[in-house]
Amino acid sequence: MSKPNPTLVARVAAAVVALHILDDSFFQPQPGTSAGDHLVSGLLPVAVLLAFVVYAPRLKAGLRASAAAVLGLFGVATGIEAVYYSRYDGPSGDDFTGFAALAAGLLLIAIAAWTLWTARRTGTPPLRRWVRRTLIAVGAAAALYVLVLPFLASYVLTHTARAYVPRDRLGVAHENVSFRTADGLRLRGWYVPSTNGAAVISFPGRAGTQKPARMLARHGYGVLLFDRRGEGKSDGDPNAFGWHGYRDVDAAVRYLRQRPDVKQGRIGGLGLSVGGEMMLEAAARSHLLRAVVSEGAGERSIREYVHVHGSGTWQAIPSYAALSAGTTLFTGSAPPPSLTDLVRRISPTPVFFVYGEHGQEGERSLNPTYYREAREPKLIWRVPASGHTGGIDARPVEYERRITGFFNRALLR
């Protein structure tokens, strides 16, 4: 019985990964999306995989092994989506090809290791041979850590998001609501009716936003919590960085403007982490939001990072660039404008920047910059002893006084 040809097996494994990309992008896209929304993000990876299928036998062993290893890691990254979503309701839809892609990716990595081992040079002097191998190993590890892994992480972050509606801990009567974005996606969430004529969007999602929502509801505010696109029960493709998520905020504002319990001009927004970043962009693009609190906003692409840090931390720039490039590819959209530029356009809407003393490095560096670049009226608060978006836990009484006071002045007078 003849032994299997490793190159042939690698070609078949790459084809399996390509099949999953086709299934995910074109055959079974996310609700509310179509194949036309994934032309670049689907066709380009498939083209690379099929190029390997065609040309692998012509490549030298080292190059073939390197390509198989990278494509294998990509196959594993594409399969993470299936593992993540299957934890909730079991596998369905494109999860089956996702599991196949995961197995194919692991197989490609194994074949790459076997190819490198069998093709290693043995005729050179031992010292020269080991120096060469050490240099290649160090270079490969550096490229993997700095470029390949951030690029692959962008695939996971643009294909997975919370797939369930979290437990209702609001402790106040609310309605199940839905509304559409300008690009046709149906978003779903909860709404606590207003008793003071004003309403606040607590964003993003329905998980970590419930505690500030309860606080606002106690003061009579209507509160809207909803799953952003690609999350929970809402349509669309997920994007952990929230690129162009201002469209979801715009749709929420349009919904609140139609509510009979909300008076004209009395709509605000409270955004946590990436929700704060999306809230800032929405406020800069449209002045229908009359007050904005952004807590824990940081960098969302290479643009903010370079704008704040410049070349002072050049070691991290390639990784941020790879992460942003991957996000651009897998979402089919360019990075949004830097928030350091957008915050200048928020005025005359009042804006309140909040960040934790022990928050993430990005929020500690960027919020003072955002505050400096923004125009009046503006406030900033560095919450003592707080972690990322932890102001309400670290200083609950002061947090409630500051946040509700800000909204009272902006929306109730």
Protein backbone atom coordinates (compact mmCIF):
# COMPACT_ATOMS: atom_id res chain seq x y z
CA MET A 1 0.00 0.00 0.00
CA SER A 2 1.51 3.34 -1.09
CA LYS A 3 2.05 6.11 1.47
CA PRO A 4 -0.11 9.23 1.18
CA ASN A 5 1.53 12.12 -0.63
CA PRO A 6 1.93 14.95 1.95
CA THR A 7 1.70 17.62 -0.72
CA LEU A 8 -1.52 16.16 -2.06
CA VAL A 9 -2.96 15.94 1.46
CA ALA A 10 -2.00 19.58 2.09
CA ARG A 11 -3.72 20.64 -1.13
CA VAL A 12 -6.91 18.84 -0.12
CA ALA A 13 -6.78 20.42 3.35
CA ALA A 14 -6.40 23.90 1.84
CA ALA A 15 -9.39 23.21 -0.39
CA VAL A 16 -11.44 22.29 2.70
CA VAL A 17 -10.58 25.63 4.32
CA ALA A 18 -11.55 27.40 1.09
CA LEU A 19 -14.89 25.55 1.11
CA HIS A 20 -15.66 26.90 4.58
CA ILE A 21 -14.87 30.47 3.51
CA LEU A 22 -17.26 30.06 0.57
CA ASP A 23 -19.91 28.58 2.85
CA ASP A 24 -19.57 31.33 5.46
CA SER A 25 -19.38 34.24 3.00
CA PHE A 26 -21.66 33.21 0.14
CA PHE A 27 -23.74 30.10 0.79
CA GLN A 28 -24.87 30.83 4.38
CA PRO A 29 -24.08 34.48 5.22
CA GLN A 30 -25.21 36.15 8.44
CA PRO A 31 -28.89 37.17 8.70
CA GLY A 32 -29.50 40.50 7.03
CA THR A 33 -26.44 40.19 4.78
CA SER A 34 -25.95 38.77 1.31
CA ALA A 35 -23.16 37.28 -0.76
CA GLY A 36 -22.59 40.69 -2.31
CA ASP A 37 -21.54 42.04 1.09
CA HIS A 38 -18.59 39.63 1.23
CA LEU A 39 -17.02 39.81 -2.22
CA VAL A 40 -13.61 41.04 -1.07
CA SER A 41 -13.56 39.36 2.34
CA GLY A 42 -14.60 36.02 0.83
CA LEU A 43 -13.01 35.88 -2.61
CA LEU A 44 -9.50 37.06 -1.71
CA PRO A 45 -8.80 34.39 0.95
CA VAL A 46 -10.32 31.75 -1.32
CA ALA A 47 -8.05 32.89 -4.17
CA VAL A 48 -4.97 32.55 -1.95
CA LEU A 49 -6.02 29.07 -0.78
CA LEU A 50 -6.73 27.89 -4.32
CA ALA A 51 -3.40 29.29 -5.51
CA PHE A 52 -1.73 27.03 -2.96
CA VAL A 53 -3.81 24.09 -4.17
CA VAL A 54 -2.63 24.69 -7.73
CA TYR A 55 1.00 25.67 -7.22
CA ALA A 56 2.04 23.75 -4.09
CA PRO A 57 3.82 20.94 -6.04
CA ARG A 58 6.01 23.53 -7.78
CA LEU A 59 7.19 25.23 -4.58
CA LYS A 60 10.45 24.38 -2.87
CA ALA A 61 10.07 22.43 0.34
CA GLY A 62 10.82 25.35 2.67
CA LEU A 63 8.42 27.73 0.94
CA ARG A 64 5.76 25.05 0.66
CA ALA A 65 6.04 24.27 4.36
CA SER A 66 5.88 27.96 5.30
CA ALA A 67 2.79 28.51 3.17
CA ALA A 68 1.13 25.39 4.60
CA ALA A 69 1.86 26.54 8.15
CA VAL A 70 0.36 30.02 7.62
CA LEU A 71 -2.68 28.64 5.81
CA GLY A 72 -3.05 26.05 8.55
CA LEU A 73 -3.15 28.75 11.20
CA PHE A 74 -5.72 30.55 9.10
CA GLY A 75 -7.81 27.37 8.91
CA VAL A 76 -7.70 27.09 12.70
CA ALA A 77 -8.76 30.74 13.02
CA THR A 78 -11.73 30.20 10.71
CA GLY A 79 -12.80 27.17 12.74
CA ILE A 80 -12.87 29.07 16.04
CA GLU A 81 -16.16 30.62 14.91
CA ALA A 82 -17.78 27.16 14.75
CA VAL A 83 -16.47 26.18 18.19
CA TYR A 84 -17.67 29.47 19.71
CA TYR A 85 -21.21 29.40 18.34
CA SER A 86 -21.71 25.66 18.87
CA ARG A 87 -21.39 26.11 22.63
CA TYR A 88 -24.85 27.65 22.82
CA ASP A 89 -27.29 25.73 20.62
CA GLY A 90 -25.06 23.09 19.07
CA PRO A 91 -23.59 23.22 15.56
CA SER A 92 -25.72 24.58 12.74
CA GLY A 93 -25.36 26.31 9.40
CA ASP A 94 -21.74 26.81 8.39
CA ASP A 95 -20.46 25.40 11.70
CA PHE A 96 -20.04 21.98 10.08
CA THR A 97 -17.65 23.24 7.42
CA GLY A 98 -16.05 25.33 10.16
CA PHE A 99 -15.14 22.22 12.14
CA ALA A 100 -13.79 20.68 8.93
CA ALA A 101 -11.68 23.80 8.34
CA LEU A 102 -10.34 23.58 11.90
CA ALA A 103 -9.26 19.96 11.38
CA ALA A 104 -7.80 20.81 7.97
CA GLY A 105 -5.84 23.68 9.51
CA LEU A 106 -4.30 21.42 12.13
CA LEU A 107 -3.44 18.94 9.41
CA LEU A 108 -1.72 21.66 7.35
CA ILE A 109 0.37 22.66 10.36
CA ALA A 110 1.40 19.05 10.94
CA ILE A 111 2.35 18.60 7.27
CA ALA A 112 4.37 21.84 7.39
CA ALA A 113 6.35 20.54 10.38
CA TRP A 114 6.91 17.17 8.73
CA THR A 115 8.04 18.82 5.48
CA LEU A 116 10.55 21.05 7.27
CA TRP A 117 11.93 18.09 9.19
CA THR A 118 12.37 15.80 6.19
CA ALA A 119 13.80 18.59 4.00
CA ARG A 120 16.36 19.82 6.54
CA ARG A 121 19.95 20.13 5.41
CA THR A 122 22.40 17.66 6.91
CA GLY A 123 25.49 18.09 4.73
CA THR A 124 26.77 21.37 6.18
CA PRO A 125 29.06 21.69 9.25
CA PRO A 126 27.08 21.30 12.53
CA LEU A 127 27.85 24.79 13.87
CA ARG A 128 26.84 26.50 10.66
CA ARG A 129 23.73 24.32 10.42
CA TRP A 130 22.53 25.10 13.93
CA VAL A 131 23.23 28.82 13.63
CA ARG A 132 21.20 28.89 10.43
CA ARG A 133 18.33 26.98 11.99
CA THR A 134 18.34 29.20 15.07
CA LEU A 135 18.21 32.38 12.98
CA ILE A 136 15.36 30.99 10.88
CA ALA A 137 13.45 29.90 14.00
CA VAL A 138 13.86 33.29 15.69
CA GLY A 139 12.82 35.15 12.53
CA ALA A 140 9.80 32.91 12.03
CA ALA A 141 8.73 33.30 15.67
CA ALA A 142 9.04 37.09 15.44
CA ALA A 143 7.01 37.23 12.22
CA LEU A 144 4.39 34.95 13.73
CA TYR A 145 4.02 37.04 16.87
CA VAL A 146 4.24 40.51 15.29
CA LEU A 147 2.35 40.01 12.01
CA VAL A 148 0.65 36.66 11.50
CA LEU A 149 -1.18 36.27 14.83
CA PRO A 150 -2.61 39.84 14.89
CA PHE A 151 -3.76 39.37 11.29
CA LEU A 152 -5.47 36.07 12.15
CA ALA A 153 -6.96 37.57 15.32
CA SER A 154 -8.76 40.08 13.11
CA TYR A 155 -10.64 37.20 11.45
CA VAL A 156 -11.89 35.92 14.80
CA LEU A 157 -12.85 39.42 15.97
CA THR A 158 -14.86 40.07 12.80
CA HIS A 159 -16.65 36.70 12.79
CA THR A 160 -17.62 36.04 16.41
CA ALA A 161 -19.78 37.95 18.88
CA ARG A 162 -22.17 37.17 21.73
CA ALA A 163 -24.75 34.86 20.20
CA TYR A 164 -27.41 34.95 22.91
CA VAL A 165 -29.61 37.43 24.73
CA PRO A 166 -28.20 37.84 28.26
CA ARG A 167 -30.28 37.30 31.36
CA ASP A 168 -32.60 40.19 32.13
CA ARG A 169 -31.32 41.88 35.31
CA LEU A 170 -32.79 45.32 34.66
CA GLY A 171 -35.25 45.03 37.52
CA VAL A 172 -37.65 47.45 35.82
CA ALA A 173 -40.47 47.06 33.33
CA HIS A 174 -39.35 47.25 29.72
CA GLU A 175 -40.48 46.41 26.20
CA ASN A 176 -38.95 44.17 23.56
CA VAL A 177 -38.24 46.44 20.59
CA SER A 178 -36.68 46.28 17.16
CA PHE A 179 -35.73 48.84 14.54
CA ARG A 180 -33.84 49.03 11.25
CA THR A 181 -30.56 50.67 10.33
CA ALA A 182 -30.13 52.79 7.23
CA ASP A 183 -28.38 49.85 5.54
CA GLY A 184 -31.31 47.52 6.18
CA LEU A 185 -30.33 45.52 9.28
CA ARG A 186 -32.86 44.63 11.95
CA LEU A 187 -31.56 45.37 15.47
CA ARG A 188 -33.29 44.04 18.57
CA GLY A 189 -33.24 45.12 22.20
CA TRP A 190 -35.10 46.38 25.28
CA TYR A 191 -36.58 49.77 26.04
CA VAL A 192 -37.47 51.18 29.46
CA PRO A 193 -40.11 53.90 28.88
CA SER A 194 -39.27 57.42 29.99
CA THR A 195 -41.06 59.22 32.81
CA ASN A 196 -39.14 62.51 32.56
CA GLY A 197 -39.39 63.08 28.80
CA ALA A 198 -35.75 62.19 28.07
CA ALA A 199 -34.06 58.96 26.97
CA VAL A 200 -30.51 57.60 26.92
CA ILE A 201 -29.00 54.87 24.75
CA SER A 202 -26.93 52.52 26.94
CA PHE A 203 -24.49 50.91 24.52
CA PRO A 204 -23.24 48.46 23.33
CA GLY A 205 -25.29 45.33 23.78
CA ARG A 206 -27.50 44.10 26.59
CA ALA A 207 -24.87 42.60 28.91
CA GLY A 208 -22.50 45.07 30.60
CA THR A 209 -24.85 47.99 29.99
CA GLN A 210 -27.61 46.87 32.36
CA LYS A 211 -26.15 48.37 35.53
CA PRO A 212 -25.92 51.95 34.18
CA ALA A 213 -29.33 51.40 32.57
CA ARG A 214 -30.86 50.62 35.98
CA MET A 215 -29.23 53.74 37.39
CA LEU A 216 -30.66 55.96 34.65
CA ALA A 217 -34.11 54.38 34.91
CA ARG A 218 -34.22 55.23 38.62
CA HIS A 219 -33.96 58.88 37.63
CA GLY A 220 -36.85 58.67 35.19
CA TYR A 221 -34.89 58.33 31.97
CA GLY A 222 -36.05 56.12 29.18
CA VAL A 223 -33.24 53.67 28.43
CA LEU A 224 -32.61 51.78 25.20
CA LEU A 225 -30.33 48.73 25.23
CA PHE A 226 -29.89 46.70 22.07
CA ASP A 227 -27.65 44.14 20.41
CA ARG A 228 -25.41 45.84 17.87
CA ARG A 229 -25.07 44.33 14.42
CA GLY A 230 -23.85 40.75 14.36
CA GLU A 231 -24.51 40.29 18.08
CA GLY A 232 -27.27 38.46 19.95
CA LYS A 233 -30.48 38.50 17.93
CA SER A 234 -29.52 41.40 15.66
CA ASP A 235 -28.73 41.05 11.96
CA GLY A 236 -25.38 41.69 10.35
CA ASP A 237 -21.72 40.76 10.54
CA PRO A 238 -19.96 41.29 13.86
CA ASN A 239 -17.01 43.63 14.31
CA ALA A 240 -15.42 43.75 17.74
CA PHE A 241 -13.79 47.09 16.95
CA GLY A 242 -17.13 48.70 16.12
CA TRP A 243 -16.04 50.12 12.77
CA HIS A 244 -18.96 52.09 11.33
CA GLY A 245 -21.10 51.08 14.29
CA TYR A 246 -22.30 54.68 14.42
CA ARG A 247 -24.98 53.50 12.00
CA ASP A 248 -26.48 51.42 14.80
CA VAL A 249 -26.47 54.44 17.11
CA ASP A 250 -28.11 56.55 14.39
CA ALA A 251 -30.86 53.94 14.01
CA ALA A 252 -31.42 53.94 17.78
CA VAL A 253 -31.74 57.74 17.79
CA ARG A 254 -34.29 57.60 14.97
CA TYR A 255 -36.27 55.02 16.94
CA LEU A 256 -36.30 57.16 20.10
CA ARG A 257 -37.36 60.26 18.18
CA GLN A 258 -40.56 58.41 17.23
CA ARG A 259 -41.38 57.46 20.82
CA PRO A 260 -44.30 59.44 22.29
CA ASP A 261 -42.67 59.44 25.76
CA VAL A 262 -39.50 61.19 24.51
CA LYS A 263 -39.60 64.92 23.93
CA GLN A 264 -37.79 66.44 20.98
CA GLY A 265 -34.12 67.16 21.59
CA ARG A 266 -33.89 65.04 24.74
CA ILE A 267 -31.88 62.01 23.58
CA GLY A 268 -28.45 61.17 24.98
CA GLY A 269 -26.00 58.32 24.80
CA LEU A 270 -23.81 56.45 27.29
CA GLY A 271 -21.19 54.24 25.63
CA LEU A 272 -18.90 51.77 27.37
CA SER A 273 -15.54 50.76 25.87
CA VAL A 274 -16.07 50.21 22.13
CA GLY A 275 -19.57 51.56 22.68
CA GLY A 276 -17.99 54.81 23.82
CA GLU A 277 -15.96 54.96 20.63
CA MET A 278 -19.04 54.40 18.48
CA MET A 279 -20.99 56.97 20.50
CA LEU A 280 -18.28 59.58 19.93
CA GLU A 281 -18.32 58.96 16.19
CA ALA A 282 -22.12 59.12 16.05
CA ALA A 283 -22.11 62.42 17.95
CA ALA A 284 -19.47 63.82 15.58
CA ARG A 285 -21.42 62.84 12.47
CA SER A 286 -24.86 63.95 13.64
CA HIS A 287 -26.04 66.34 16.35
CA LEU A 288 -29.28 64.48 17.05
CA LEU A 289 -27.61 63.16 20.20
CA ARG A 290 -27.81 66.05 22.68
CA ALA A 291 -25.43 64.65 25.32
CA VAL A 292 -22.77 61.93 25.20
CA VAL A 293 -20.91 60.04 27.93
CA SER A 294 -18.00 57.93 26.69
CA GLU A 295 -16.44 55.62 29.27
CA GLY A 296 -13.32 53.61 28.52
CA ALA A 297 -12.88 54.59 24.86
CA GLY A 298 -9.49 53.63 23.44
CA GLU A 299 -7.90 52.89 20.10
CA ARG A 300 -9.87 51.05 17.43
CA SER A 301 -7.33 51.01 14.59
CA ILE A 302 -3.78 51.93 13.67
CA ARG A 303 -4.96 55.50 13.12
CA GLU A 304 -5.58 56.31 16.78
CA TYR A 305 -2.47 54.45 17.87
CA VAL A 306 -0.11 56.35 15.57
CA HIS A 307 -1.88 59.65 16.22
CA VAL A 308 -1.26 59.39 19.95
CA HIS A 309 1.98 57.39 20.21
CA GLY A 310 3.67 58.36 16.94
CA SER A 311 6.86 56.38 16.38
CA GLY A 312 7.74 56.34 20.06
CA THR A 313 6.58 52.73 20.39
CA TRP A 314 7.51 51.55 16.92
CA GLN A 315 7.66 47.92 18.02
CA ALA A 316 3.86 47.74 18.31
CA ILE A 317 3.05 49.57 15.08
CA PRO A 318 3.52 46.51 12.77
CA SER A 319 1.13 44.49 14.94
CA TYR A 320 -1.50 47.23 14.95
CA ALA A 321 -1.04 47.61 11.21
CA ALA A 322 -1.54 43.86 10.66
CA LEU A 323 -4.62 43.89 12.90
CA SER A 324 -6.13 46.85 11.05
CA ALA A 325 -5.24 45.38 7.64
CA GLY A 326 -6.92 42.10 8.54
CA THR A 327 -10.01 43.88 9.81
CA THR A 328 -10.15 45.87 6.58
CA LEU A 329 -9.95 42.69 4.52
CA PHE A 330 -12.45 40.64 6.51
CA THR A 331 -15.02 43.43 6.78
CA GLY A 332 -14.53 44.87 3.31
CA SER A 333 -14.33 48.39 4.72
CA ALA A 334 -11.51 50.81 5.48
CA PRO A 335 -10.76 51.91 9.05
CA PRO A 336 -12.96 54.78 10.24
CA PRO A 337 -11.48 58.25 10.76
CA SER A 338 -9.37 58.74 13.87
CA LEU A 339 -11.39 59.71 16.91
CA THR A 340 -8.77 62.34 17.68
CA ASP A 341 -10.07 64.14 14.60
CA LEU A 342 -13.75 63.31 15.03
CA VAL A 343 -14.10 64.60 18.61
CA ARG A 344 -13.50 68.16 17.37
CA ARG A 345 -16.83 67.97 15.52
CA ILE A 346 -18.96 66.95 18.52
CA SER A 347 -19.44 70.52 19.76
CA PRO A 348 -21.91 72.05 20.56
CA THR A 349 -23.11 68.70 21.93
CA PRO A 350 -21.85 68.30 25.54
CA VAL A 351 -19.41 65.39 25.87
CA PHE A 352 -18.16 63.70 29.04
CA PHE A 353 -15.01 61.52 28.86
CA VAL A 354 -14.69 58.95 31.66
CA TYR A 355 -11.82 56.50 32.13
CA GLY A 356 -10.38 54.33 34.87
CA GLU A 357 -7.22 54.99 36.82
CA HIS A 358 -6.30 51.35 36.24
CA GLY A 359 -8.00 50.99 32.88
CA GLN A 360 -6.43 49.73 29.68
CA GLU A 361 -3.36 51.51 28.38
CA GLY A 362 -5.22 52.83 25.35
CA GLU A 363 -7.97 54.52 27.36
CA ARG A 364 -5.49 56.04 29.83
CA SER A 365 -3.47 57.52 26.98
CA LEU A 366 -6.29 58.52 24.66
CA ASN A 367 -8.99 60.03 26.85
CA PRO A 368 -6.87 63.03 27.90
CA THR A 369 -6.04 63.45 24.20
CA TYR A 370 -9.70 63.24 23.20
CA TYR A 371 -10.58 65.77 25.87
CA ARG A 372 -7.84 68.13 24.73
CA GLU A 373 -8.92 67.90 21.07
CA ALA A 374 -12.66 68.27 21.78
CA ARG A 375 -14.29 71.68 21.97
CA GLU A 376 -16.52 73.02 24.73
CA PRO A 377 -18.78 72.02 26.37
CA LYS A 378 -16.75 69.08 27.67
CA LEU A 379 -15.88 67.26 30.91
CA ILE A 380 -13.39 64.56 31.87
CA TRP A 381 -13.15 62.29 34.90
CA ARG A 382 -10.34 59.89 35.77
CA VAL A 383 -12.11 57.50 38.14
CA PRO A 384 -9.89 56.59 41.10
CA ALA A 385 -9.29 52.85 41.68
CA SER A 386 -11.39 51.96 38.63
CA GLY A 387 -10.54 49.42 35.97
CA HIS A 388 -11.82 49.38 32.40
CA THR A 389 -15.45 50.64 32.40
CA GLY A 390 -15.54 50.05 36.15
CA GLY A 391 -16.49 53.52 37.34
CA ILE A 392 -19.94 52.47 38.50
CA ASP A 393 -18.38 49.78 40.73
CA ALA A 394 -15.35 51.72 41.99
CA ARG A 395 -17.24 54.92 42.87
CA PRO A 396 -20.97 54.08 42.68
CA VAL A 397 -22.34 57.13 44.51
CA GLU A 398 -20.07 59.64 42.78
CA TYR A 399 -20.60 57.91 39.42
CA GLU A 400 -24.37 58.23 39.73
CA ARG A 401 -24.11 61.87 40.83
CA ARG A 402 -21.77 62.85 38.00
CA ILE A 403 -23.47 60.93 35.18
CA THR A 404 -27.05 61.78 36.02
CA GLY A 405 -26.07 65.37 36.77
CA PHE A 406 -24.49 65.64 33.34
CA PHE A 407 -27.61 64.28 31.61
CA ASN A 408 -29.92 66.41 33.77
CA ARG A 409 -28.14 69.60 32.75
CA ALA A 410 -28.00 68.67 29.07
CA LEU A 411 -31.40 67.02 28.53
CA LEU A 412 -33.84 68.27 31.15
CA ARG A 413 -33.24 72.01 31.15
